[in-house]
């Protein structure tokens, strides 16, 4: 997983357009990871909302 994350971070950091070619691809992740990602996304939304207030 760490190798994959490193690759994603590099693609996003350098704004590599070709990574968007895979944006509609399906991936399978564990329920635990999915829950953590959902919680993180919600915290980011809340932080963004608070920053706008």
PDB file of N, CA and C in Angstrom:
ATOM      1  N   UNK A   1       0.815  -1.183   0.000  1.00  0.00           N
ATOM      2  CA  UNK A   1       0.000   0.000   0.000  1.00  0.00           C
ATOM      3  C   UNK A   1       0.868   1.260   0.000  1.00  0.00           C
ATOM      4  N   UNK A   2       1.964   1.250   0.740  1.00  0.00           N
ATOM      5  CA  UNK A   2       2.795   2.460   0.809  1.00  0.00           C
ATOM      6  C   UNK A   2       3.396   2.812  -0.542  1.00  0.00           C
ATOM      7  N   UNK A   3       3.761   1.799  -1.334  1.00  0.00           N
ATOM      8  CA  UNK A   3       4.285   2.078  -2.679  1.00  0.00           C
ATOM      9  C   UNK A   3       3.228   2.763  -3.539  1.00  0.00           C
ATOM     10  N   UNK A   4       2.024   2.283  -3.437  1.00  0.00           N
ATOM     11  CA  UNK A   4       0.921   2.862  -4.199  1.00  0.00           C
ATOM     12  C   UNK A   4       0.650   4.297  -3.759  1.00  0.00           C
ATOM     13  N   UNK A   5       0.641   4.522  -2.464  1.00  0.00           N
ATOM     14  CA  UNK A   5       0.407   5.870  -1.956  1.00  0.00           C
ATOM     15  C   UNK A   5       1.500   6.832  -2.388  1.00  0.00           C
ATOM     16  N   UNK A   6       2.738   6.380  -2.343  1.00  0.00           N
ATOM     17  CA  UNK A   6       3.849   7.230  -2.795  1.00  0.00           C
ATOM     18  C   UNK A   6       3.681   7.619  -4.257  1.00  0.00           C
ATOM     19  N   UNK A   7       3.263   6.673  -5.079  1.00  0.00           N
ATOM     20  CA  UNK A   7       3.064   6.951  -6.504  1.00  0.00           C
ATOM     21  C   UNK A   7       1.925   7.946  -6.701  1.00  0.00           C
ATOM     22  N   UNK A   8       0.820   7.764  -5.983  1.00  0.00           N
ATOM     23  CA  UNK A   8      -0.296   8.702  -6.092  1.00  0.00           C
ATOM     24  C   UNK A   8       0.110  10.099  -5.648  1.00  0.00           C
ATOM     25  N   UNK A   9       0.820  10.194  -4.538  1.00  0.00           N
ATOM     26  CA  UNK A   9       1.260  11.501  -4.049  1.00  0.00           C
ATOM     27  C   UNK A   9       2.139  12.202  -5.080  1.00  0.00           C
ATOM     28  N   UNK A  10       3.042  11.469  -5.695  1.00  0.00           N
ATOM     29  CA  UNK A  10       3.925  12.059  -6.700  1.00  0.00           C
ATOM     30  C   UNK A  10       3.120  12.532  -7.909  1.00  0.00           C
ATOM     31  N   UNK A  11       2.177  11.730  -8.361  1.00  0.00           N
ATOM     32  CA  UNK A  11       1.347  12.118  -9.511  1.00  0.00           C
ATOM     33  C   UNK A  11       0.557  13.381  -9.205  1.00  0.00           C
ATOM     34  N   UNK A  12      -0.001  13.457  -8.028  1.00  0.00           N
ATOM     35  CA  UNK A  12      -0.786  14.631  -7.664  1.00  0.00           C
ATOM     36  C   UNK A  12       0.095  15.853  -7.452  1.00  0.00           C
ATOM     37  N   UNK A  13       1.251  15.663  -6.846  1.00  0.00           N
ATOM     38  CA  UNK A  13       2.156  16.781  -6.582  1.00  0.00           C
ATOM     39  C   UNK A  13       2.645  17.417  -7.881  1.00  0.00           C
ATOM     40  N   UNK A  14       2.882  16.594  -8.883  1.00  0.00           N
ATOM     41  CA  UNK A  14       3.369  17.106 -10.159  1.00  0.00           C
ATOM     42  C   UNK A  14       2.243  17.353 -11.158  1.00  0.00           C
ATOM     43  N   UNK A  15       0.996  17.199 -10.690  1.00  0.00           N
ATOM     44  CA  UNK A  15      -0.187  17.457 -11.510  1.00  0.00           C
ATOM     45  C   UNK A  15      -0.090  16.738 -12.855  1.00  0.00           C
ATOM     46  N   UNK A  16       0.237  15.453 -12.794  1.00  0.00           N
ATOM     47  CA  UNK A  16       0.386  14.657 -14.006  1.00  0.00           C
ATOM     48  C   UNK A  16      -0.991  14.321 -14.577  1.00  0.00           C
ATOM     49  N   UNK A  17      -1.269  14.825 -15.740  1.00  0.00           N
ATOM     50  CA  UNK A  17      -2.595  14.694 -16.346  1.00  0.00           C
ATOM     51  C   UNK A  17      -2.979  13.246 -16.623  1.00  0.00           C
ATOM     52  N   UNK A  18      -2.028  12.403 -16.939  1.00  0.00           N
ATOM     53  CA  UNK A  18      -2.365  11.030 -17.321  1.00  0.00           C
ATOM     54  C   UNK A  18      -3.015  10.256 -16.180  1.00  0.00           C
ATOM     55  N   UNK A  19      -2.783  10.646 -14.930  1.00  0.00           N
ATOM     56  CA  UNK A  19      -3.398   9.922 -13.816  1.00  0.00           C
ATOM     57  C   UNK A  19      -4.917  10.064 -13.860  1.00  0.00           C
ATOM     58  N   UNK A  20      -5.398  11.167 -14.432  1.00  0.00           N
ATOM     59  CA  UNK A  20      -6.838  11.371 -14.549  1.00  0.00           C
ATOM     60  C   UNK A  20      -7.484  10.385 -15.512  1.00  0.00           C
ATOM     61  N   UNK A  21      -6.702   9.761 -16.381  1.00  0.00           N
ATOM     62  CA  UNK A  21      -7.234   8.738 -17.278  1.00  0.00           C
ATOM     63  C   UNK A  21      -7.817   7.562 -16.502  1.00  0.00           C
ATOM     64  N   UNK A  22      -7.404   7.411 -15.259  1.00  0.00           N
ATOM     65  CA  UNK A  22      -7.841   6.289 -14.437  1.00  0.00           C
ATOM     66  C   UNK A  22      -8.894   6.682 -13.410  1.00  0.00           C
ATOM     67  N   UNK A  23      -9.403   7.893 -13.496  1.00  0.00           N
ATOM     68  CA  UNK A  23     -10.323   8.388 -12.461  1.00  0.00           C
ATOM     69  C   UNK A  23     -11.633   7.613 -12.390  1.00  0.00           C
ATOM     70  N   UNK A  24     -12.023   6.956 -13.468  1.00  0.00           N
ATOM     71  CA  UNK A  24     -13.262   6.178 -13.459  1.00  0.00           C
ATOM     72  C   UNK A  24     -13.037   4.702 -13.148  1.00  0.00           C
ATOM     73  N   UNK A  25     -11.786   4.307 -12.957  1.00  0.00           N
ATOM     74  CA  UNK A  25     -11.493   2.907 -12.642  1.00  0.00           C
ATOM     75  C   UNK A  25     -11.985   2.562 -11.239  1.00  0.00           C
ATOM     76  N   UNK A  26     -12.432   1.349 -11.078  1.00  0.00           N
ATOM     77  CA  UNK A  26     -12.863   0.876  -9.774  1.00  0.00           C
ATOM     78  C   UNK A  26     -11.684   0.234  -9.054  1.00  0.00           C
ATOM     79  N   UNK A  27     -11.635   0.454  -7.749  1.00  0.00           N
ATOM     80  CA  UNK A  27     -10.631  -0.180  -6.910  1.00  0.00           C
ATOM     81  C   UNK A  27     -11.337  -0.804  -5.723  1.00  0.00           C
ATOM     82  N   UNK A  28     -10.719  -1.802  -5.154  1.00  0.00           N
ATOM     83  CA  UNK A  28     -11.293  -2.460  -3.992  1.00  0.00           C
ATOM     84  C   UNK A  28     -10.408  -2.172  -2.786  1.00  0.00           C
ATOM     85  N   UNK A  29     -11.023  -1.624  -1.739  1.00  0.00           N
ATOM     86  CA  UNK A  29     -10.301  -1.350  -0.505  1.00  0.00           C
ATOM     87  C   UNK A  29     -11.083  -1.964   0.653  1.00  0.00           C
ATOM     88  N   UNK A  30     -10.413  -2.163   1.754  1.00  0.00           N
ATOM     89  CA  UNK A  30     -11.079  -2.754   2.913  1.00  0.00           C
ATOM     90  C   UNK A  30     -12.104  -1.776   3.486  1.00  0.00           C
ATOM     91  N   UNK A  31     -13.077  -2.316   4.220  1.00  0.00           N
ATOM     92  CA  UNK A  31     -14.079  -1.469   4.867  1.00  0.00           C
ATOM     93  C   UNK A  31     -13.431  -0.542   5.884  1.00  0.00           C
ATOM     94  N   UNK A  32     -12.411  -1.033   6.575  1.00  0.00           N
ATOM     95  CA  UNK A  32     -11.717  -0.201   7.562  1.00  0.00           C
ATOM     96  C   UNK A  32     -11.094   1.026   6.909  1.00  0.00           C
ATOM     97  N   UNK A  33     -10.363   0.809   5.820  1.00  0.00           N
ATOM     98  CA  UNK A  33      -9.738   1.926   5.126  1.00  0.00           C
ATOM     99  C   UNK A  33     -10.790   2.874   4.574  1.00  0.00           C
ATOM    100  N   UNK A  34     -11.862   2.337   4.038  1.00  0.00           N
ATOM    101  CA  UNK A  34     -12.932   3.166   3.504  1.00  0.00           C
ATOM    102  C   UNK A  34     -13.518   4.055   4.603  1.00  0.00           C
ATOM    103  N   UNK A  35     -13.740   3.496   5.777  1.00  0.00           N
ATOM    104  CA  UNK A  35     -14.263   4.275   6.894  1.00  0.00           C
ATOM    105  C   UNK A  35     -13.325   5.390   7.311  1.00  0.00           C
ATOM    106  N   UNK A  36     -12.044   5.096   7.343  1.00  0.00           N
ATOM    107  CA  UNK A  36     -11.052   6.110   7.707  1.00  0.00           C
ATOM    108  C   UNK A  36     -11.032   7.224   6.661  1.00  0.00           C
ATOM    109  N   UNK A  37     -11.073   6.857   5.396  1.00  0.00           N
ATOM    110  CA  UNK A  37     -11.073   7.858   4.331  1.00  0.00           C
ATOM    111  C   UNK A  37     -12.328   8.725   4.362  1.00  0.00           C
ATOM    112  N   UNK A  38     -13.474   8.114   4.656  1.00  0.00           N
ATOM    113  CA  UNK A  38     -14.713   8.885   4.771  1.00  0.00           C
ATOM    114  C   UNK A  38     -14.627   9.873   5.929  1.00  0.00           C
ATOM    115  N   UNK A  39     -14.129   9.417   7.065  1.00  0.00           N
ATOM    116  CA  UNK A  39     -14.003  10.291   8.234  1.00  0.00           C
ATOM    117  C   UNK A  39     -13.053  11.446   7.937  1.00  0.00           C
ATOM    118  N   UNK A  40     -11.950  11.159   7.271  1.00  0.00           N
ATOM    119  CA  UNK A  40     -10.989  12.197   6.912  1.00  0.00           C
ATOM    120  C   UNK A  40     -11.618  13.216   5.965  1.00  0.00           C
ATOM    121  N   UNK A  41     -12.348  12.733   4.973  1.00  0.00           N
ATOM    122  CA  UNK A  41     -13.001  13.632   4.022  1.00  0.00           C
ATOM    123  C   UNK A  41     -14.004  14.527   4.740  1.00  0.00           C
ATOM    124  N   UNK A  42     -14.736  13.985   5.679  1.00  0.00           N
ATOM    125  CA  UNK A  42     -15.707  14.776   6.435  1.00  0.00           C
ATOM    126  C   UNK A  42     -15.007  15.845   7.274  1.00  0.00           C
ATOM    127  N   UNK A  43     -13.902  15.497   7.905  1.00  0.00           N
ATOM    128  CA  UNK A  43     -13.147  16.475   8.684  1.00  0.00           C
ATOM    129  C   UNK A  43     -12.625  17.605   7.800  1.00  0.00           C
ATOM    130  N   UNK A  44     -12.170  17.266   6.626  1.00  0.00           N
ATOM    131  CA  UNK A  44     -11.683  18.297   5.693  1.00  0.00           C
ATOM    132  C   UNK A  44     -12.815  19.212   5.266  1.00  0.00           C
ATOM    133  N   UNK A  45     -14.005  18.633   4.990  1.00  0.00           N
ATOM    134  CA  UNK A  45     -15.161  19.459   4.624  1.00  0.00           C
ATOM    135  C   UNK A  45     -15.526  20.402   5.766  1.00  0.00           C
ATOM    136  N   UNK A  46     -15.529  19.875   6.987  1.00  0.00           N
ATOM    137  CA  UNK A  46     -15.873  20.707   8.142  1.00  0.00           C
ATOM    138  C   UNK A  46     -14.863  21.831   8.309  1.00  0.00           C
ATOM    139  N   UNK A  47     -13.589  21.518   8.146  1.00  0.00           N
ATOM    140  CA  UNK A  47     -12.543  22.533   8.263  1.00  0.00           C
ATOM    141  C   UNK A  47     -12.694  23.603   7.196  1.00  0.00           C
ATOM    142  N   UNK A  48     -13.017  23.190   5.983  1.00  0.00           N
ATOM    143  CA  UNK A  48     -13.209  24.148   4.903  1.00  0.00           C
ATOM    144  C   UNK A  48     -14.420  25.036   5.180  1.00  0.00           C
ATOM    145  N   UNK A  49     -15.484  24.447   5.692  1.00  0.00           N
ATOM    146  CA  UNK A  49     -16.677  25.219   6.025  1.00  0.00           C
ATOM    147  C   UNK A  49     -16.374  26.240   7.121  1.00  0.00           C
ATOM    148  N   UNK A  50     -15.620  25.829   8.126  1.00  0.00           N
ATOM    149  CA  UNK A  50     -15.263  26.731   9.225  1.00  0.00           C
ATOM    150  C   UNK A  50     -14.368  27.863   8.741  1.00  0.00           C
ATOM    151  N   UNK A  51     -13.498  27.572   7.804  1.00  0.00           N
ATOM    152  CA  UNK A  51     -12.588  28.592   7.280  1.00  0.00           C
ATOM    153  C   UNK A  51     -13.359  29.648   6.476  1.00  0.00           C
ATOM    154  N   UNK A  52     -14.476  29.260   5.881  1.00  0.00           N
ATOM    155  CA  UNK A  52     -15.276  30.198   5.108  1.00  0.00           C
ATOM    156  C   UNK A  52     -16.112  31.094   6.004  1.00  0.00           C
ATOM    157  N   UNK A  53     -16.382  30.665   7.218  1.00  0.00           N
ATOM    158  CA  UNK A  53     -17.226  31.459   8.137  1.00  0.00           C
ATOM    159  C   UNK A  53     -16.518  32.637   8.708  1.00  0.00           C
TER     160      UNK A  53
END
